[in-house]
Amino acid sequence: MRCPQPAGSARLPFTDLAAALLFALGAPAIGLVAQTTHVVGPGGFTEIRDALAIATAGDHILVHPGVYAHFEALVPVTIRAAAPGTVDVRYDQGFPAFEATHFAPPTGTWSHVFGLRFIGNTVFAFPSGTIAHHVVVDRGGVTFDSCTFDARSRATLTVNDASTFLQQCTVSNSTTLAIFPIGPGIAATDATLSLIDTAVHGGGDTLYAGSPAIDATNSSLHGSHVQLFGMQSISQPSQPAVRATGGALWLCDSTLTPGTSACALETSGTATHLDRCTIQSTGTNCSNPTGTGLLGVTRPQPPQHGAPFRLDFTTAPNGFVAVFANFALAAQQLPHLVQPALIDSPSALPAGFLIADNAGLAAGSWMIPFGWNYVGIGLWFQGLTGTTLPLQTSPLAGGLVR
């Protein structure tokens, strides 16, 4: 990812840039979808895990509507619902090896998940006791797009020593009156998290303590247009929206809501920056650090072949946004960027240069060419802004072309 050159720059024609970008990268893009597609559902495999058993790196798994057993994905694959919101993944006692849906692609590789619902069902299994379905990522990188997550008596999504990106997702914990303590919406340790257009809820209303939306240890959390809700229990103290130890936190254009009489943030040794956020702290002596110049992004709709794809950036009034794009992801901390870069920087191409209006809003639009050979391709964008190094980076945005 090269640094932008503000001098002499101007607003660029995005349709021309889109064509240049897509056709310049067209050969590797078409190579991606040339990988094997495995169908799950009528006429195909019975379970997602059956397709994963024969999948190799880069394969696509297309899942038709239905209810499927939890699974383990150890290779970098794409798992896509044929119709978003119609594929439910639950714990199934017929496959008792583990209770979580588990993602662990090799370090440096990424899996992509689109349109799945991870249901937090619980079952009683003698002699181990209650088993509660949840999702774990503990290696490599995983992107989740238009997914929903639920859990009971566990962290809904656990990320350990991995990179995870969520966009237009909902993470919740539906436990009520549980007999076991419950976990946060997202528990992260030594992780890189990027979120846009996503809501995360901690669990609450239990006999034990509630939980924050995000509980992070030595992790980076980079979010834009997210809603974070800490929860409370019947008799225990309320919880913050975010609890963090070490690491760094950048949130902009977001809402943080703790439980009753609690602070939105509970941090220790965490570099914390908030910009254009709504902080609904109701506790006393709350610290709400602010930042300036954070670059936000929101994605109105997923990319679709044969249609324009738009991203809306928020920055300083009349500021600039340099946009870069790639088909590949690679989490990395570069010396000239404040936040981690998630698109693969060495091969990233400039996709445009925007000038924000007086309200700090800048919209970019790219035309995705028509053709089924583009469906399933991951097209990823990050924006840069700032007048001195290191530059501010937006969270990741983009997704699989539909």
Protein backbone atom coordinates (compact mmCIF):
# COMPACT_ATOMS: atom_id res chain seq x y z
CA MET A 1 0.00 0.00 0.00
CA ARG A 2 1.70 3.16 -1.18
CA CYS A 3 1.26 6.52 0.54
CA PRO A 4 -0.97 8.96 -1.36
CA GLN A 5 0.52 12.01 -3.03
CA PRO A 6 -1.80 14.93 -2.15
CA ALA A 7 -0.02 17.46 -4.33
CA GLY A 8 -1.82 17.86 -7.62
CA SER A 9 -4.42 15.23 -6.74
CA ALA A 10 -8.07 15.62 -7.69
CA ARG A 11 -11.30 13.70 -7.63
CA LEU A 12 -10.91 10.79 -10.03
CA PRO A 13 -13.55 9.16 -12.25
CA PHE A 14 -14.48 6.07 -10.27
CA THR A 15 -16.04 4.17 -13.16
CA ASP A 16 -12.74 4.41 -15.07
CA LEU A 17 -10.82 3.44 -11.94
CA ALA A 18 -13.11 0.48 -11.36
CA ALA A 19 -12.52 -0.85 -14.84
CA ALA A 20 -8.78 -0.35 -14.51
CA LEU A 21 -8.70 -2.02 -11.11
CA LEU A 22 -10.83 -5.03 -11.97
CA PHE A 23 -9.32 -5.76 -15.33
CA ALA A 24 -5.78 -5.17 -14.10
CA LEU A 25 -6.44 -7.79 -11.45
CA GLY A 26 -8.84 -9.79 -13.59
CA ALA A 27 -6.57 -12.75 -14.20
CA PRO A 28 -5.98 -13.62 -10.51
CA ALA A 29 -9.60 -12.85 -9.73
CA ILE A 30 -10.91 -15.28 -12.30
CA GLY A 31 -8.37 -17.79 -11.04
CA LEU A 32 -9.96 -17.56 -7.60
CA VAL A 33 -13.42 -18.58 -8.77
CA ALA A 34 -11.90 -21.33 -10.92
CA GLN A 35 -11.36 -23.26 -7.69
CA THR A 36 -13.75 -26.11 -6.97
CA THR A 37 -17.24 -25.24 -5.72
CA HIS A 38 -18.82 -27.78 -3.36
CA VAL A 39 -22.61 -27.66 -2.97
CA VAL A 40 -24.23 -28.43 0.38
CA GLY A 41 -27.94 -29.20 0.45
CA PRO A 42 -30.24 -30.78 -2.16
CA GLY A 43 -28.18 -32.54 -4.79
CA GLY A 44 -24.95 -32.04 -2.87
CA PHE A 45 -23.32 -32.85 0.46
CA THR A 46 -25.54 -33.43 3.48
CA GLU A 47 -23.42 -31.34 5.86
CA ILE A 48 -20.99 -28.43 5.61
CA ARG A 49 -18.42 -30.59 7.41
CA ASP A 50 -18.69 -33.17 4.61
CA ALA A 51 -17.69 -30.58 2.02
CA LEU A 52 -14.87 -29.35 4.26
CA ALA A 53 -13.51 -32.89 4.53
CA ILE A 54 -12.49 -32.81 0.84
CA ALA A 55 -12.01 -29.05 0.34
CA THR A 56 -8.60 -27.63 -0.46
CA ALA A 57 -7.29 -24.09 -0.09
CA GLY A 58 -9.31 -21.57 -2.07
CA ASP A 59 -12.35 -23.79 -2.60
CA HIS A 60 -15.87 -22.42 -2.34
CA ILE A 61 -18.67 -24.08 -0.38
CA LEU A 62 -22.16 -23.00 -1.45
CA VAL A 63 -24.79 -23.83 1.17
CA HIS A 64 -28.49 -24.07 0.38
CA PRO A 65 -31.16 -23.24 3.01
CA GLY A 66 -31.34 -25.63 5.93
CA VAL A 67 -30.06 -26.53 9.39
CA TYR A 68 -26.54 -27.95 9.57
CA ALA A 69 -24.19 -29.33 12.21
CA HIS A 70 -21.31 -27.37 13.68
CA PHE A 71 -18.04 -27.84 11.81
CA GLU A 72 -14.28 -27.29 11.83
CA ALA A 73 -12.61 -25.37 8.96
CA LEU A 74 -8.83 -25.81 8.98
CA VAL A 75 -8.14 -24.74 5.39
CA PRO A 76 -8.75 -21.29 3.84
CA VAL A 77 -12.11 -21.60 2.10
CA THR A 78 -15.18 -19.53 1.28
CA ILE A 79 -18.45 -20.68 2.87
CA ARG A 80 -21.39 -18.83 1.36
CA ALA A 81 -25.13 -19.12 1.93
CA ALA A 82 -27.02 -19.33 -1.35
CA ALA A 83 -29.58 -17.03 0.28
CA PRO A 84 -28.31 -14.96 3.25
CA GLY A 85 -30.04 -15.73 6.54
CA THR A 86 -31.39 -19.14 5.49
CA VAL A 87 -28.49 -21.30 6.71
CA ASP A 88 -28.47 -22.22 10.42
CA VAL A 89 -25.42 -23.84 12.03
CA ARG A 90 -26.06 -25.59 15.38
CA TYR A 91 -24.35 -27.99 17.73
CA ASP A 92 -25.32 -31.51 16.71
CA GLN A 93 -24.89 -34.37 19.22
CA GLY A 94 -24.20 -36.69 16.31
CA PHE A 95 -20.77 -35.04 15.96
CA PRO A 96 -19.56 -34.65 19.56
CA ALA A 97 -15.83 -34.08 19.01
CA PHE A 98 -16.11 -30.40 19.97
CA GLU A 99 -18.89 -28.00 20.84
CA ALA A 100 -17.82 -24.96 18.81
CA THR A 101 -17.81 -24.13 15.15
CA HIS A 102 -14.06 -23.75 14.76
CA PHE A 103 -12.06 -21.76 12.20
CA ALA A 104 -8.27 -22.15 12.06
CA PRO A 105 -6.88 -21.52 8.57
CA PRO A 106 -3.07 -21.51 8.43
CA THR A 107 -1.38 -18.32 9.58
CA GLY A 108 -1.27 -15.80 6.75
CA THR A 109 -4.37 -17.20 5.01
CA TRP A 110 -8.04 -16.20 5.18
CA SER A 111 -11.42 -17.91 5.16
CA HIS A 112 -14.57 -16.01 4.17
CA VAL A 113 -18.07 -16.62 5.54
CA PHE A 114 -21.17 -14.98 4.09
CA GLY A 115 -24.80 -15.09 5.20
CA LEU A 116 -24.68 -17.84 7.88
CA ARG A 117 -26.51 -17.86 11.20
CA PHE A 118 -24.64 -19.48 14.09
CA ILE A 119 -27.30 -20.63 16.55
CA GLY A 120 -26.34 -20.87 20.22
CA ASN A 121 -28.27 -23.99 21.09
CA THR A 122 -27.49 -25.93 24.26
CA VAL A 123 -27.78 -29.62 24.94
CA PHE A 124 -27.10 -31.78 27.99
CA ALA A 125 -24.47 -34.42 27.32
CA PHE A 126 -23.70 -36.93 30.09
CA PRO A 127 -21.21 -36.87 31.77
CA SER A 128 -19.75 -33.58 30.52
CA GLY A 129 -22.85 -31.53 31.35
CA THR A 130 -24.24 -28.66 29.32
CA ILE A 131 -22.75 -28.09 25.88
CA ALA A 132 -23.31 -24.68 24.33
CA HIS A 133 -22.62 -23.89 20.69
CA HIS A 134 -20.36 -20.90 19.95
CA VAL A 135 -17.78 -19.84 17.34
CA VAL A 136 -14.00 -19.85 17.76
CA VAL A 137 -11.27 -18.41 15.50
CA ASP A 138 -7.78 -19.20 16.72
CA ARG A 139 -5.43 -19.01 13.77
CA GLY A 140 -5.08 -17.17 10.47
CA GLY A 141 -7.85 -14.78 9.42
CA VAL A 142 -11.62 -15.01 8.91
CA THR A 143 -14.07 -12.50 7.44
CA PHE A 144 -17.76 -12.68 8.38
CA ASP A 145 -20.28 -10.81 6.25
CA SER A 146 -24.05 -10.56 6.91
CA CYS A 147 -23.78 -13.24 9.62
CA THR A 148 -25.55 -13.58 12.97
CA PHE A 149 -24.06 -15.16 16.08
CA ASP A 150 -25.75 -16.31 19.27
CA ALA A 151 -24.45 -18.19 22.31
CA ARG A 152 -25.45 -19.35 25.78
CA SER A 153 -23.05 -19.64 28.73
CA ARG A 154 -20.04 -18.96 26.49
CA ALA A 155 -18.42 -16.06 24.66
CA THR A 156 -20.41 -15.87 21.44
CA LEU A 157 -17.33 -15.33 19.26
CA THR A 158 -13.84 -16.07 20.57
CA VAL A 159 -10.76 -14.87 18.65
CA ASN A 160 -7.32 -16.04 19.79
CA ASP A 161 -4.09 -15.05 18.03
CA ALA A 162 -6.00 -14.44 14.79
CA SER A 163 -7.43 -11.68 12.58
CA THR A 164 -11.20 -11.34 12.26
CA PHE A 165 -13.34 -8.90 10.27
CA LEU A 166 -17.10 -8.49 10.69
CA GLN A 167 -19.40 -6.36 8.55
CA GLN A 168 -23.18 -6.08 8.74
CA CYS A 169 -23.22 -8.76 11.44
CA THR A 170 -25.08 -9.15 14.73
CA VAL A 171 -23.42 -10.80 17.73
CA SER A 172 -25.62 -11.51 20.77
CA ASN A 173 -26.01 -13.71 23.82
CA SER A 174 -29.57 -14.78 24.48
CA THR A 175 -29.01 -16.41 27.87
CA THR A 176 -31.52 -15.49 30.55
CA LEU A 177 -31.66 -16.88 34.09
CA ALA A 178 -28.67 -19.12 33.40
CA ILE A 179 -27.10 -21.26 36.09
CA PHE A 180 -23.62 -20.63 34.69
CA PRO A 181 -21.73 -17.37 34.12
CA ILE A 182 -21.93 -16.17 30.54
CA GLY A 183 -19.33 -14.68 28.25
CA PRO A 184 -19.08 -11.47 26.24
CA GLY A 185 -20.27 -11.03 22.70
CA ILE A 186 -16.65 -11.11 21.46
CA ALA A 187 -13.68 -12.33 23.53
CA ALA A 188 -10.33 -11.48 21.91
CA THR A 189 -6.78 -12.34 22.99
CA ASP A 190 -3.72 -11.30 20.95
CA ALA A 191 -6.12 -10.62 18.09
CA THR A 192 -6.72 -8.08 15.33
CA LEU A 193 -10.41 -7.12 15.11
CA SER A 194 -11.98 -4.92 12.44
CA LEU A 195 -15.73 -4.18 12.46
CA ILE A 196 -18.11 -2.04 10.41
CA ASP A 197 -21.91 -1.80 10.42
CA THR A 198 -22.10 -4.41 13.19
CA ALA A 199 -23.93 -4.72 16.53
CA VAL A 200 -22.38 -6.63 19.45
CA HIS A 201 -24.29 -7.42 22.65
CA GLY A 202 -22.95 -8.84 25.88
CA GLY A 203 -25.06 -11.34 27.78
CA GLY A 204 -27.08 -10.34 30.83
CA ASP A 205 -30.06 -10.88 33.12
CA THR A 206 -28.49 -13.97 34.64
CA LEU A 207 -27.99 -15.14 38.20
CA TYR A 208 -24.29 -14.39 37.72
CA ALA A 209 -22.50 -11.35 36.33
CA GLY A 210 -23.43 -9.93 32.95
CA SER A 211 -20.77 -9.35 30.33
CA PRO A 212 -19.44 -6.60 28.07
CA ALA A 213 -19.98 -6.54 24.35
CA ILE A 214 -16.24 -6.94 23.75
CA ASP A 215 -13.62 -8.21 26.18
CA ALA A 216 -10.16 -7.76 24.65
CA THR A 217 -6.66 -8.59 25.92
CA ASN A 218 -3.56 -7.37 24.07
CA SER A 219 -5.65 -6.91 20.95
CA SER A 220 -6.34 -4.18 18.41
CA LEU A 221 -9.98 -3.19 17.86
CA HIS A 222 -10.74 -0.98 14.87
CA GLY A 223 -14.41 -0.16 14.33
CA SER A 224 -16.69 2.17 12.38
CA HIS A 225 -20.47 2.45 12.57
CA VAL A 226 -20.75 -0.22 15.25
CA GLN A 227 -23.12 -0.55 18.19
CA LEU A 228 -21.74 -2.05 21.39
CA PHE A 229 -23.99 -2.97 24.33
CA GLY A 230 -22.71 -4.01 27.73
CA MET A 231 -25.22 -5.91 29.87
CA GLN A 232 -26.15 -6.47 33.48
CA SER A 233 -27.42 -9.24 35.72
CA ILE A 234 -30.11 -9.45 38.34
CA SER A 235 -27.77 -8.89 41.29
CA GLN A 236 -24.29 -8.23 39.92
CA PRO A 237 -22.65 -4.99 38.74
CA SER A 238 -23.43 -3.81 35.23
CA GLN A 239 -20.87 -4.25 32.50
CA PRO A 240 -19.14 -1.81 30.14
CA ALA A 241 -19.59 -1.83 26.38
CA VAL A 242 -15.85 -2.57 26.02
CA ARG A 243 -13.41 -4.02 28.53
CA ALA A 244 -9.82 -3.97 27.32
CA THR A 245 -6.40 -4.72 28.77
CA GLY A 246 -3.39 -3.65 26.74
CA GLY A 247 -3.59 -3.29 22.98
CA ALA A 248 -5.27 -0.42 21.15
CA LEU A 249 -8.81 0.73 20.44
CA TRP A 250 -10.02 2.99 17.61
CA LEU A 251 -13.78 3.58 17.30
CA CYS A 252 -15.56 6.20 15.24
CA ASP A 253 -19.15 6.98 14.25
CA SER A 254 -20.29 4.38 16.80
CA THR A 255 -22.52 4.01 19.85
CA LEU A 256 -21.30 2.54 23.15
CA THR A 257 -24.01 1.64 25.68
CA PRO A 258 -23.09 0.02 29.01
CA GLY A 259 -25.41 -1.61 31.51
CA THR A 260 -27.21 0.58 34.02
CA SER A 261 -24.90 2.73 36.21
CA ALA A 262 -21.75 1.64 34.38
CA CYS A 263 -19.09 3.29 32.25
CA ALA A 264 -18.98 2.57 28.54
CA LEU A 265 -15.25 1.82 28.64
CA GLU A 266 -13.19 -0.12 31.15
CA THR A 267 -9.56 -0.13 30.03
CA SER A 268 -6.14 -0.81 31.49
CA GLY A 269 -3.02 0.08 29.54
CA THR A 270 -5.02 0.37 26.32
CA ALA A 271 -4.33 3.14 23.78
CA THR A 272 -7.91 4.34 23.32
CA HIS A 273 -9.22 6.74 20.66
CA LEU A 274 -12.87 7.62 20.01
CA ASP A 275 -14.10 10.05 17.35
CA ARG A 276 -17.67 11.07 16.48
CA CYS A 277 -19.03 8.46 18.89
CA THR A 278 -22.12 8.49 21.10
CA ILE A 279 -21.06 7.49 24.62
CA GLN A 280 -23.97 6.58 26.87
CA SER A 281 -22.08 6.14 30.14
CA THR A 282 -24.32 6.28 33.22
CA GLY A 283 -21.65 5.49 35.81
CA THR A 284 -19.51 7.92 37.78
CA ASN A 285 -15.95 9.10 37.07
CA CYS A 286 -16.05 7.58 33.59
CA SER A 287 -13.18 8.19 31.18
CA ASN A 288 -14.15 8.62 27.55
CA PRO A 289 -10.94 9.34 25.61
CA THR A 290 -11.40 11.19 22.35
CA GLY A 291 -9.41 11.17 19.16
CA THR A 292 -9.36 13.33 16.08
CA GLY A 293 -9.10 12.53 12.43
CA LEU A 294 -10.22 8.90 12.64
CA LEU A 295 -11.40 7.65 9.27
CA GLY A 296 -14.78 5.91 9.27
CA VAL A 297 -16.45 3.83 6.58
CA THR A 298 -19.85 2.27 6.04
CA ARG A 299 -21.03 -0.12 3.34
CA PRO A 300 -24.68 0.36 2.30
CA GLN A 301 -24.85 -2.90 0.31
CA PRO A 302 -22.55 -5.86 -0.49
CA PRO A 303 -20.85 -5.74 -3.91
CA GLN A 304 -22.94 -7.26 -6.69
CA HIS A 305 -21.83 -8.08 -10.21
CA GLY A 306 -23.25 -5.79 -12.85
CA ALA A 307 -24.05 -3.06 -10.29
CA PRO A 308 -22.29 -0.07 -8.74
CA PHE A 309 -20.67 -0.64 -5.36
CA ARG A 310 -20.53 2.29 -2.93
CA LEU A 311 -18.59 3.08 0.21
CA ASP A 312 -19.28 6.14 2.39
CA PHE A 313 -16.28 7.53 4.29
CA THR A 314 -16.34 9.99 7.20
CA THR A 315 -13.37 12.17 8.03
CA ALA A 316 -12.49 15.77 8.83
CA PRO A 317 -14.53 18.41 6.93
CA ASN A 318 -13.00 18.99 3.49
CA GLY A 319 -10.40 16.32 4.19
CA PHE A 320 -9.15 13.78 1.67
CA VAL A 321 -9.53 10.01 1.48
CA ALA A 322 -7.17 7.94 -0.64
CA VAL A 323 -8.78 4.57 -1.35
CA PHE A 324 -6.84 1.38 -2.06
CA ALA A 325 -8.22 -1.99 -3.14
CA ASN A 326 -7.14 -5.58 -3.55
CA PHE A 327 -8.47 -9.09 -3.92
CA ALA A 328 -6.10 -10.33 -1.21
CA LEU A 329 -5.95 -9.79 2.55
CA ALA A 330 -2.91 -9.77 4.84
CA ALA A 331 -3.03 -8.36 8.35
CA GLN A 332 0.05 -6.23 8.96
CA GLN A 333 1.19 -3.24 10.98
CA LEU A 334 3.08 -0.87 8.68
CA PRO A 335 5.23 1.96 10.05
CA HIS A 336 3.48 4.69 8.01
CA LEU A 337 -0.03 3.70 9.18
CA VAL A 338 -1.61 4.23 12.61
CA GLN A 339 -4.00 1.28 12.46
CA PRO A 340 -3.29 -2.18 11.03
CA ALA A 341 -3.67 -2.69 7.29
CA LEU A 342 -5.78 -5.67 6.31
CA ILE A 343 -5.64 -5.57 2.53
CA ASP A 344 -2.44 -7.01 1.11
CA SER A 345 -0.33 -3.87 0.83
CA PRO A 346 2.46 -4.71 -1.66
CA SER A 347 -0.05 -5.55 -4.41
CA ALA A 348 -2.77 -3.01 -3.48
CA LEU A 349 -3.82 -0.61 -6.21
CA PRO A 350 -5.09 2.96 -5.82
CA ALA A 351 -8.86 2.95 -6.40
CA GLY A 352 -9.56 6.66 -6.07
CA PHE A 353 -9.00 9.96 -4.30
CA LEU A 354 -11.97 11.62 -2.56
CA ILE A 355 -12.45 15.10 -1.15
CA ALA A 356 -14.92 15.23 1.76
CA ASP A 357 -17.66 17.84 1.93
CA ASN A 358 -18.14 20.40 4.70
CA ALA A 359 -19.64 17.70 6.93
CA GLY A 360 -16.70 15.35 6.40
CA LEU A 361 -18.62 12.93 4.13
CA ALA A 362 -16.99 11.36 1.06
CA ALA A 363 -18.62 8.70 -1.10
CA GLY A 364 -16.92 6.53 -3.68
CA SER A 365 -18.61 4.30 -6.25
CA TRP A 366 -17.16 1.49 -8.35
CA MET A 367 -18.93 -0.40 -11.12
CA ILE A 368 -18.56 -4.18 -10.75
CA PRO A 369 -18.55 -5.78 -14.21
CA PHE A 370 -21.40 -8.13 -15.09
CA GLY A 371 -20.60 -11.83 -15.23
CA TRP A 372 -21.03 -14.92 -13.07
CA ASN A 373 -17.27 -15.41 -13.09
CA TYR A 374 -17.08 -12.47 -10.67
CA VAL A 375 -19.49 -13.98 -8.14
CA GLY A 376 -17.68 -15.13 -5.01
CA ILE A 377 -14.61 -12.97 -5.58
CA GLY A 378 -13.51 -11.05 -2.49
CA LEU A 379 -13.06 -7.35 -3.30
CA TRP A 380 -11.58 -5.38 -0.39
CA PHE A 381 -11.02 -1.67 0.25
CA GLN A 382 -9.27 0.49 2.85
CA GLY A 383 -9.05 4.26 2.97
CA LEU A 384 -6.19 6.46 4.16
CA THR A 385 -6.24 10.04 5.38
CA GLY A 386 -3.98 12.49 7.20
CA THR A 387 -1.51 15.25 6.46
CA THR A 388 1.50 13.77 8.25
CA LEU A 389 2.85 10.29 8.77
CA PRO A 390 1.65 7.97 10.16
CA LEU A 391 -1.66 8.11 8.29
CA GLN A 392 -5.05 7.15 9.67
CA THR A 393 -6.58 4.02 8.12
CA SER A 394 -10.24 3.14 7.84
CA PRO A 395 -11.44 -0.30 8.91
CA LEU A 396 -11.66 -2.87 6.15
CA ALA A 397 -14.70 -2.78 3.84
CA GLY A 398 -15.89 -4.66 0.77
CA GLY A 399 -16.76 -8.34 0.63
CA LEU A 400 -17.65 -11.21 -1.66
CA VAL A 401 -19.26 -10.19 -4.94
CA ARG A 402 -22.83 -11.51 -5.19
